[in-house]
Amino acid sequence: MNYINKIERVSVLGAAGKMGSGILLLTAVEMVEQSLKPENKNKTFVLNAIDVSDEALSGLMKYLKVQVTKIAEKKTVALREAYTDRKDLVENGDIIEQFVFDVMNVVRPVTKLEAAYDSNLIFEAVSESKALKVKLLSAIDGNNPNKPWFLTNTSSVPINEIDEEAKLEGRVIGFHFYNPPAVQKLVELIVSKKTLPELNDFALTYAKNLRKKIVPSNDFAGFIGNGHFMRDALHGINEVERLSSEYSFTEAVYMINKVSQDFLIRPMGIFQLIDYVGIDVVRFILDVMNPYYNEELHSELLVKLMDMGVKGGQNSDGSQKDGFLKYAKGRPVAIFDINTKKYVEIEEIASKCDALLGELPKSFIPWKKIIRIRKRDNELTTYFNELASINTLGAELAKKYGIRSIEIGKKLVSDNVAHNDDDVNTVMLTGFFHAYGPINNYFA
């Protein structure tokens, strides 16, 4: 495996999307850093940014320039060393400007798939549809004489099926970045039955160069991250439907969202997380996963919301779209009522719901504070021991949620999706920023 030969000519499919833009940024920077090494000075690096819209690609290039400038500003010392033979680059501003130019210069924004027919390496970051992925990868492979390697960013589609249906003969691997790729340290690496060992070696080298943390997942639909998140989300949805027989729908959503955030000490509530990923994306991933498991991975509530045009996700500027929750300046301010099809202000129901849930344990430490404590097991043990002794509605819902989270995590190991408990915990700690892994002794 010659790493440089593979990374000289690269294409990113879905380059203007949420995931593709981050993958493009990381790869462009890596290509230029490799090009600055003395042994690679005479090589030409080309990165095709392929997407369907010229407008989206124009926005991508603006995003790329801003982000590369930020990266360059943080590494001027290293860049000064890399450009040591350039006597014309005197000031830090000169070096930053040159690096930005070099990165932008390797990128070719195009709307034609044919641009990938000359690439040695293809990153695929299109929508989560096996049929679309197979169609695109097959078209490239059938017209590309280089027998390219494919790194698919799928978060749910089995790699072996993509390999078989696109007839790639082991030249595809699951390389699942977490959102946003430029920030998130985690990558799930999924090897199929046929994945070439040298492709696996390349993926590990690429991840190391990007300073990513690799967690291997076996080739089961949903892998580790969505294997846990989708079931965790369904538990929250099912709890809302159960509570809705006694409380209003918006009250039930508020309470479960608060329990899953505050009582479980997570970075955001489960419905805020679903909105962040996108209701449409969550539903689609569940639909992908459902045929592969002997359990019902489906939610009619998500179907109803989609039919009403409630989808969540992000706007092009990164701001949050309305979903289960309505947002103002990035903060939830209202909850969608499935019955009236209108948003109910949170301030209208918060006091009543908070009283129903009961107070948090006195030892409660918010997620933002506890995440800063490196060795936090003592604090978490104290908190969850106190939670166990409380019989309020909030405590009971939290204990039930925590126990279910453990069950999901252990099932991923027993089903051979994850190799061990640590891999499950690492994915949730690193990829979802949880303060503790789902497989724990806190809810014994």
Protein backbone atom coordinates (compact mmCIF):
# COMPACT_ATOMS: atom_id res chain seq x y z
CA MET A 1 0.00 0.00 0.00
CA ASN A 2 1.48 3.32 -1.09
CA TYR A 3 -0.29 5.95 0.98
CA ILE A 4 0.83 8.93 -1.11
CA ASN A 5 -0.17 7.34 -4.42
CA LYS A 6 -3.67 6.73 -3.11
CA ILE A 7 -4.11 10.22 -1.69
CA GLU A 8 -2.77 12.07 -4.76
CA ARG A 9 -6.05 11.85 -6.66
CA VAL A 10 -9.17 11.82 -4.48
CA SER A 11 -12.88 12.52 -4.91
CA VAL A 12 -15.50 13.29 -2.25
CA LEU A 13 -19.12 12.50 -3.15
CA GLY A 14 -21.65 14.72 -1.41
CA ALA A 15 -18.89 17.24 -0.75
CA ALA A 16 -21.19 20.17 -0.01
CA GLY A 17 -23.21 18.30 2.61
CA LYS A 18 -22.88 18.41 6.38
CA MET A 19 -20.54 15.42 6.52
CA GLY A 20 -18.94 15.74 3.09
CA SER A 21 -17.76 19.30 3.70
CA GLY A 22 -15.91 18.21 6.85
CA ILE A 23 -14.37 15.21 5.12
CA LEU A 24 -13.29 17.44 2.24
CA LEU A 25 -11.70 19.95 4.62
CA LEU A 26 -9.75 17.29 6.52
CA THR A 27 -8.60 15.57 3.34
CA ALA A 28 -7.56 18.80 1.61
CA VAL A 29 -5.44 19.79 4.59
CA GLU A 30 -3.90 16.31 4.78
CA MET A 31 -3.06 16.38 1.06
CA VAL A 32 -1.30 19.72 1.33
CA GLU A 33 0.59 18.69 4.46
CA GLN A 34 1.82 15.63 2.56
CA SER A 35 2.70 17.77 -0.47
CA LEU A 36 4.94 19.99 1.69
CA LYS A 37 7.21 17.08 2.61
CA PRO A 38 10.47 17.18 0.62
CA GLU A 39 9.93 13.75 -0.93
CA ASN A 40 6.51 14.82 -2.31
CA LYS A 41 7.36 18.29 -3.65
CA ASN A 42 7.10 17.18 -7.29
CA LYS A 43 3.74 15.44 -6.92
CA THR A 44 0.42 16.97 -7.96
CA PHE A 45 -2.52 16.51 -5.61
CA VAL A 46 -6.12 16.78 -6.85
CA LEU A 47 -9.27 16.66 -4.72
CA ASN A 48 -12.60 16.63 -6.56
CA ALA A 49 -15.46 18.13 -4.53
CA ILE A 50 -18.47 16.51 -6.19
CA ASP A 51 -22.04 17.59 -5.48
CA VAL A 52 -25.23 18.19 -7.43
CA SER A 53 -25.54 21.96 -6.94
CA ASP A 54 -23.26 24.75 -8.15
CA GLU A 55 -24.75 26.99 -5.48
CA ALA A 56 -23.94 24.48 -2.73
CA LEU A 57 -20.40 24.09 -4.05
CA SER A 58 -19.94 27.86 -4.03
CA GLY A 59 -20.96 27.89 -0.38
CA LEU A 60 -18.60 24.99 0.25
CA MET A 61 -15.62 26.91 -1.09
CA LYS A 62 -16.41 29.87 1.16
CA TYR A 63 -16.69 27.52 4.15
CA LEU A 64 -13.44 25.83 3.19
CA LYS A 65 -11.50 29.10 3.02
CA VAL A 66 -12.73 30.24 6.43
CA GLN A 67 -11.96 26.91 8.09
CA VAL A 68 -8.53 26.49 6.50
CA THR A 69 -7.60 29.99 7.63
CA LYS A 70 -8.52 29.07 11.20
CA ILE A 71 -6.46 25.88 10.98
CA ALA A 72 -3.46 27.76 9.59
CA GLU A 73 -3.63 30.38 12.33
CA LYS A 74 -3.35 27.65 14.96
CA LYS A 75 -0.29 25.99 13.41
CA THR A 76 1.90 28.80 12.14
CA VAL A 77 5.00 27.41 13.87
CA ALA A 78 4.67 24.05 12.10
CA LEU A 79 3.85 25.75 8.80
CA ARG A 80 6.90 28.00 9.08
CA GLU A 81 8.99 24.82 9.26
CA ALA A 82 7.12 23.25 6.34
CA TYR A 83 7.73 26.35 4.18
CA THR A 84 11.34 26.75 5.30
CA ASP A 85 12.59 26.81 1.70
CA ARG A 86 10.26 29.72 0.83
CA LYS A 87 12.37 32.78 1.63
CA ASP A 88 9.62 35.03 0.30
CA LEU A 89 7.28 34.02 3.14
CA VAL A 90 8.47 36.27 5.97
CA GLU A 91 5.51 37.22 8.13
CA ASN A 92 3.05 34.78 9.73
CA GLY A 93 0.36 36.34 7.57
CA ASP A 94 2.33 35.41 4.45
CA ILE A 95 2.61 31.79 5.58
CA ILE A 96 -1.07 31.57 6.48
CA GLU A 97 -2.07 33.07 3.14
CA GLN A 98 0.16 30.61 1.26
CA PHE A 99 -1.22 27.59 3.11
CA VAL A 100 -4.80 28.68 2.46
CA PHE A 101 -3.94 29.16 -1.21
CA ASP A 102 -2.31 25.73 -1.42
CA VAL A 103 -5.30 24.00 0.17
CA MET A 104 -7.85 25.80 -2.00
CA ASN A 105 -5.70 25.06 -5.04
CA VAL A 106 -6.01 21.26 -4.69
CA VAL A 107 -9.83 21.39 -4.57
CA ARG A 108 -11.85 21.12 -7.80
CA PRO A 109 -15.59 21.83 -7.24
CA VAL A 110 -17.61 19.90 -9.85
CA THR A 111 -21.16 18.68 -10.41
CA LYS A 112 -20.25 15.79 -12.70
CA LEU A 113 -19.63 12.29 -11.36
CA GLU A 114 -17.21 11.72 -14.23
CA ALA A 115 -14.60 13.71 -12.29
CA ALA A 116 -14.18 10.67 -10.04
CA TYR A 117 -13.33 8.37 -12.94
CA ASP A 118 -9.63 9.22 -12.62
CA SER A 119 -9.39 9.10 -8.81
CA ASN A 120 -7.54 6.48 -6.79
CA LEU A 121 -9.58 7.10 -3.66
CA ILE A 122 -13.27 7.92 -3.23
CA PHE A 123 -14.93 9.23 -0.06
CA GLU A 124 -18.69 8.69 -0.19
CA ALA A 125 -20.84 10.97 1.98
CA VAL A 126 -24.20 11.02 0.18
CA SER A 127 -27.56 10.41 1.86
CA GLU A 128 -28.13 7.22 3.85
CA SER A 129 -29.55 5.15 1.00
CA LYS A 130 -28.01 1.85 0.02
CA ALA A 131 -29.48 2.04 -3.47
CA LEU A 132 -27.95 5.48 -4.09
CA LYS A 133 -24.57 4.47 -2.70
CA VAL A 134 -24.47 1.31 -4.80
CA LYS A 135 -25.53 3.21 -7.91
CA LEU A 136 -22.82 5.86 -7.54
CA LEU A 137 -20.02 3.53 -6.52
CA SER A 138 -20.88 1.08 -9.31
CA ALA A 139 -20.85 3.88 -11.89
CA ILE A 140 -17.46 5.10 -10.75
CA ASP A 141 -15.93 1.66 -10.53
CA GLY A 142 -17.23 0.68 -13.96
CA ASN A 143 -15.61 3.72 -15.56
CA ASN A 144 -12.45 4.06 -13.50
CA PRO A 145 -9.47 1.98 -14.72
CA ASN A 146 -7.55 2.54 -11.45
CA LYS A 147 -9.61 0.08 -9.38
CA PRO A 148 -10.18 2.79 -6.78
CA TRP A 149 -10.66 2.30 -3.07
CA PHE A 150 -13.91 3.50 -1.51
CA LEU A 151 -14.37 4.86 2.01
CA THR A 152 -18.07 5.13 2.78
CA ASN A 153 -19.31 7.37 5.57
CA THR A 154 -22.46 5.31 6.04
CA SER A 155 -23.70 5.15 9.62
CA SER A 156 -26.09 2.25 9.11
CA VAL A 157 -25.82 0.36 5.78
CA PRO A 158 -23.85 -2.93 6.01
CA ILE A 159 -20.56 -2.61 4.14
CA ASN A 160 -20.68 -6.18 2.84
CA GLU A 161 -23.94 -5.43 1.00
CA ILE A 162 -22.50 -2.31 -0.63
CA ASP A 163 -19.46 -4.38 -1.65
CA GLU A 164 -21.53 -7.24 -3.07
CA GLU A 165 -24.12 -5.16 -4.91
CA ALA A 166 -21.60 -2.68 -6.36
CA LYS A 167 -19.21 -5.54 -7.18
CA LEU A 168 -16.23 -3.81 -5.59
CA GLU A 169 -14.31 -6.97 -4.71
CA GLY A 170 -13.25 -5.85 -1.26
CA ARG A 171 -12.27 -2.30 -2.27
CA VAL A 172 -14.69 -0.62 0.16
CA ILE A 173 -14.51 0.04 3.88
CA GLY A 174 -16.81 1.74 6.37
CA PHE A 175 -15.17 4.92 7.62
CA HIS A 176 -17.87 6.56 9.71
CA PHE A 177 -16.95 10.09 10.77
CA TYR A 178 -19.01 11.69 13.52
CA ASN A 179 -20.60 15.08 13.06
CA PRO A 180 -18.93 17.49 12.56
CA PRO A 181 -15.96 15.59 11.09
CA ALA A 182 -13.52 18.45 11.53
CA VAL A 183 -14.20 18.56 15.28
CA GLN A 184 -15.22 15.05 16.30
CA LYS A 185 -12.32 12.76 17.21
CA LEU A 186 -14.21 9.48 16.72
CA VAL A 187 -14.33 7.32 13.61
CA GLU A 188 -16.06 3.95 13.48
CA LEU A 189 -14.11 1.60 11.20
CA ILE A 190 -16.15 -1.20 9.63
CA VAL A 191 -14.45 -3.97 7.69
CA SER A 192 -16.56 -6.32 5.56
CA LYS A 193 -15.90 -9.99 4.86
CA LYS A 194 -13.94 -9.03 1.74
CA THR A 195 -12.29 -5.71 2.62
CA LEU A 196 -8.70 -5.75 1.38
CA PRO A 197 -6.11 -5.75 4.20
CA GLU A 198 -4.16 -3.00 2.46
CA LEU A 199 -7.29 -0.82 2.37
CA ASN A 200 -7.71 -1.37 6.09
CA ASP A 201 -4.06 -0.38 6.59
CA PHE A 202 -4.61 2.78 4.54
CA ALA A 203 -7.70 3.72 6.57
CA LEU A 204 -5.76 3.33 9.81
CA THR A 205 -2.90 5.49 8.50
CA TYR A 206 -5.29 8.17 7.25
CA ALA A 207 -7.09 8.20 10.62
CA LYS A 208 -3.78 8.47 12.47
CA ASN A 209 -2.68 11.40 10.31
CA LEU A 210 -5.98 13.13 11.05
CA ARG A 211 -5.50 12.38 14.77
CA LYS A 212 -8.78 10.47 14.91
CA LYS A 213 -9.68 7.84 17.46
CA ILE A 214 -10.64 4.59 15.74
CA VAL A 215 -13.19 2.20 17.21
CA PRO A 216 -13.79 -0.97 15.18
CA SER A 217 -17.36 -2.14 14.67
CA ASN A 218 -18.47 -5.41 13.16
CA ASP A 219 -20.52 -5.16 10.00
CA PHE A 220 -24.06 -5.01 11.39
CA ALA A 221 -26.61 -2.40 10.30
CA GLY A 222 -26.32 0.70 12.48
CA PHE A 223 -22.93 -0.36 13.85
CA ILE A 224 -22.18 0.74 17.44
CA GLY A 225 -23.14 4.42 17.45
CA ASN A 226 -26.56 4.18 15.83
CA GLY A 227 -27.03 0.72 17.31
CA HIS A 228 -27.22 2.45 20.67
CA PHE A 229 -28.60 5.86 19.73
CA MET A 230 -31.55 4.58 17.70
CA ARG A 231 -32.71 2.24 20.46
CA ASP A 232 -32.10 4.95 23.07
CA ALA A 233 -34.23 7.35 21.02
CA LEU A 234 -37.01 4.77 20.64
CA HIS A 235 -37.06 4.30 24.41
CA GLY A 236 -37.59 8.05 24.84
CA ILE A 237 -40.31 8.09 22.19
CA ASN A 238 -42.06 5.08 23.75
CA GLU A 239 -41.94 6.74 27.16
CA VAL A 240 -43.58 9.86 25.72
CA GLU A 241 -46.36 7.78 24.18
CA ARG A 242 -46.87 6.00 27.53
CA LEU A 243 -46.93 9.24 29.54
CA SER A 244 -49.29 10.87 27.02
CA SER A 245 -52.14 8.80 28.43
CA GLU A 246 -51.84 10.78 31.67
CA TYR A 247 -50.27 14.07 30.60
CA SER A 248 -50.40 16.19 27.46
CA PHE A 249 -48.08 15.27 24.60
CA THR A 250 -45.98 18.41 25.05
CA GLU A 251 -45.68 17.78 28.80
CA ALA A 252 -44.52 14.22 28.13
CA VAL A 253 -41.90 15.41 25.62
CA TYR A 254 -40.68 18.08 28.04
CA MET A 255 -40.34 15.61 30.91
CA ILE A 256 -38.51 12.90 28.97
CA ASN A 257 -36.23 15.46 27.35
CA LYS A 258 -35.38 16.90 30.78
CA VAL A 259 -34.90 13.46 32.33
CA SER A 260 -32.60 12.31 29.52
CA GLN A 261 -30.53 15.49 29.80
CA ASP A 262 -30.46 16.64 33.42
CA PHE A 263 -31.28 13.50 35.41
CA LEU A 264 -28.96 11.36 33.26
CA ILE A 265 -26.31 14.13 33.01
CA ARG A 266 -26.08 14.20 29.23
CA PRO A 267 -25.12 17.10 26.92
CA MET A 268 -28.65 17.43 25.54
CA GLY A 269 -32.04 15.80 25.90
CA ILE A 270 -33.00 12.93 23.63
CA PHE A 271 -35.47 15.00 21.57
CA GLN A 272 -32.98 17.81 21.11
CA LEU A 273 -30.50 15.20 19.89
CA ILE A 274 -33.05 13.73 17.47
CA ASP A 275 -33.69 17.24 16.14
CA TYR A 276 -29.94 17.82 15.77
CA VAL A 277 -29.49 14.65 13.72
CA GLY A 278 -32.77 15.26 11.91
CA ILE A 279 -36.11 13.52 12.41
CA ASP A 280 -36.00 12.51 8.76
CA VAL A 281 -32.48 11.06 9.16
CA VAL A 282 -33.40 9.15 12.32
CA ARG A 283 -36.46 7.67 10.64
CA PHE A 284 -34.42 6.70 7.59
CA ILE A 285 -31.71 5.01 9.67
CA LEU A 286 -34.36 3.08 11.59
CA ASP A 287 -35.84 1.94 8.28
CA VAL A 288 -32.38 0.77 7.16
CA MET A 289 -31.74 -1.11 10.42
CA ASN A 290 -35.19 -2.62 10.99
CA PRO A 291 -35.00 -5.58 8.55
CA TYR A 292 -31.80 -6.87 10.15
CA TYR A 293 -33.00 -7.31 13.73
CA ASN A 294 -35.52 -9.42 15.60
CA GLU A 295 -37.01 -6.34 17.25
CA GLU A 296 -39.21 -3.53 16.06
CA LEU A 297 -37.00 -0.56 15.16
CA HIS A 298 -39.73 1.77 13.97
CA SER A 299 -41.71 4.76 15.24
CA GLU A 300 -45.08 5.83 13.90
CA LEU A 301 -44.60 9.12 15.73
CA LEU A 302 -41.64 9.97 13.51
CA VAL A 303 -43.72 9.07 10.46
CA LYS A 304 -46.50 11.43 11.59
CA LEU A 305 -44.06 14.26 12.21
CA MET A 306 -42.52 13.76 8.76
CA ASP A 307 -45.98 13.82 7.18
CA MET A 308 -46.59 17.15 8.94
CA GLY A 309 -43.35 18.56 7.55
CA VAL A 310 -41.56 18.53 10.91
CA LYS A 311 -38.03 17.34 10.12
CA GLY A 312 -35.42 19.02 12.31
CA GLY A 313 -31.82 19.04 11.08
CA GLN A 314 -29.69 22.12 10.38
CA ASN A 315 -29.92 25.09 8.08
CA SER A 316 -27.06 25.82 5.67
CA ASP A 317 -25.53 28.24 8.20
CA GLY A 318 -25.47 25.53 10.88
CA SER A 319 -28.43 26.86 12.88
CA GLN A 320 -30.96 24.36 14.20
CA LYS A 321 -34.23 23.76 12.36
CA ASP A 322 -37.40 23.24 14.35
CA GLY A 323 -38.38 19.64 15.08
CA PHE A 324 -39.79 18.17 18.27
CA LEU A 325 -38.59 21.45 19.75
CA LYS A 326 -38.68 25.00 18.41
CA TYR A 327 -35.41 26.92 18.71
CA ALA A 328 -34.48 30.57 19.24
CA LYS A 329 -30.80 31.50 19.27
CA GLY A 330 -29.96 27.80 19.46
CA ARG A 331 -32.04 27.16 22.60
CA PRO A 332 -35.33 25.21 22.84
CA VAL A 333 -38.25 27.56 23.48
CA ALA A 334 -41.31 25.51 22.49
CA ILE A 335 -42.50 21.95 21.89
CA PHE A 336 -44.49 20.70 18.91
CA ASP A 337 -47.95 19.38 19.80
CA ILE A 338 -48.73 16.43 17.55
CA ASN A 339 -52.47 16.94 18.19
CA THR A 340 -52.87 20.65 17.45
CA LYS A 341 -49.92 20.81 15.03
CA LYS A 342 -48.72 23.94 16.82
CA TYR A 343 -45.79 24.72 19.08
CA VAL A 344 -46.47 25.23 22.79
CA GLU A 345 -44.13 27.59 24.63
CA ILE A 346 -41.97 25.75 27.16
CA GLU A 347 -42.50 28.46 29.75
CA GLU A 348 -46.22 27.60 29.76
CA ILE A 349 -45.62 24.03 30.96
CA ALA A 350 -42.18 24.02 32.59
CA SER A 351 -43.24 24.84 36.17
CA LYS A 352 -45.93 22.16 36.24
CA CYS A 353 -43.65 19.52 34.69
CA ASP A 354 -40.71 20.35 36.94
CA ALA A 355 -42.97 19.93 39.98
CA LEU A 356 -44.19 16.57 38.67
CA LEU A 357 -40.63 15.34 38.08
CA GLY A 358 -39.37 16.45 41.47
CA GLU A 359 -36.02 17.94 42.38
CA LEU A 360 -32.69 16.64 41.18
CA PRO A 361 -30.45 14.96 43.78
CA LYS A 362 -28.47 17.49 45.83
CA SER A 363 -25.21 16.00 44.50
CA PHE A 364 -26.18 16.83 40.91
CA ILE A 365 -23.38 18.30 38.79
CA PRO A 366 -24.39 19.67 35.36
CA TRP A 367 -22.87 17.99 32.31
CA LYS A 368 -20.84 21.09 31.39
CA LYS A 369 -19.08 20.95 34.76
CA ILE A 370 -18.69 17.22 35.26
CA ILE A 371 -17.24 16.72 31.78
CA ARG A 372 -14.28 18.86 32.90
CA ILE A 373 -13.49 16.41 35.71
CA ARG A 374 -11.15 13.80 34.22
CA LYS A 375 -11.63 11.15 36.91
CA ARG A 376 -15.28 11.59 37.75
CA ASP A 377 -16.39 8.13 38.87
CA ASN A 378 -16.67 9.19 42.54
CA GLU A 379 -18.89 12.15 41.69
CA LEU A 380 -21.07 10.03 39.41
CA THR A 381 -21.33 7.19 41.94
CA THR A 382 -22.43 9.63 44.66
CA TYR A 383 -25.00 11.19 42.36
CA PHE A 384 -26.52 7.94 41.08
CA ASN A 385 -26.59 6.40 44.57
CA GLU A 386 -28.62 9.41 45.71
CA LEU A 387 -30.84 9.13 42.62
CA ALA A 388 -31.49 5.47 43.46
CA SER A 389 -32.81 6.45 46.90
CA ILE A 390 -35.36 8.91 45.52
CA ASN A 391 -38.85 7.81 44.44
CA THR A 392 -39.96 10.88 42.49
CA LEU A 393 -41.32 10.60 38.95
CA GLY A 394 -38.15 12.11 37.54
CA ALA A 395 -35.89 9.69 39.42
CA GLU A 396 -37.99 6.67 38.41
CA LEU A 397 -37.99 7.70 34.74
CA ALA A 398 -34.22 8.26 34.89
CA LYS A 399 -33.51 4.89 36.50
CA LYS A 400 -35.65 3.15 33.89
CA TYR A 401 -33.84 5.04 31.11
CA GLY A 402 -30.41 4.24 32.56
CA ILE A 403 -31.20 0.54 32.89
CA ARG A 404 -32.45 0.44 29.32
CA SER A 405 -29.25 2.14 28.14
CA ILE A 406 -27.19 -0.57 29.83
CA GLU A 407 -29.32 -3.28 28.19
CA ILE A 408 -28.78 -1.71 24.77
CA GLY A 409 -25.04 -1.49 25.29
CA LYS A 410 -24.72 -5.08 26.47
CA LYS A 411 -26.87 -6.29 23.57
CA LEU A 412 -24.45 -4.68 21.11
CA VAL A 413 -21.69 -6.81 22.62
CA SER A 414 -23.72 -10.03 22.87
CA ASP A 415 -24.92 -9.58 19.27
CA ASN A 416 -21.26 -9.20 18.23
CA VAL A 417 -21.76 -5.71 16.85
CA ALA A 418 -19.15 -4.37 19.27
CA HIS A 419 -16.07 -6.35 20.27
CA ASN A 420 -16.37 -5.45 23.95
CA ASP A 421 -17.92 -3.14 26.55
CA ASP A 422 -15.09 -0.62 26.25
CA ASP A 423 -15.75 -0.08 22.54
CA VAL A 424 -19.42 0.68 23.22
CA ASN A 425 -18.50 3.09 25.98
CA THR A 426 -15.79 4.77 23.89
CA VAL A 427 -18.24 5.46 21.06
CA MET A 428 -20.77 7.07 23.40
CA LEU A 429 -18.14 8.97 25.39
CA THR A 430 -16.24 10.25 22.35
CA GLY A 431 -18.87 10.39 19.60
CA PHE A 432 -21.84 11.53 21.71
CA PHE A 433 -19.88 13.37 24.44
CA HIS A 434 -21.55 11.44 27.25
CA ALA A 435 -20.07 11.88 30.72
CA TYR A 436 -20.05 8.11 31.29
CA GLY A 437 -20.44 5.00 29.18
CA PRO A 438 -23.81 3.24 28.86
CA ILE A 439 -22.36 0.01 30.27
CA ASN A 440 -21.79 0.92 33.90
CA ASN A 441 -22.60 0.01 37.51
CA TYR A 442 -24.48 3.19 38.33
CA PHE A 443 -27.93 1.64 37.90
CA ALA A 444 -27.25 -1.71 39.61
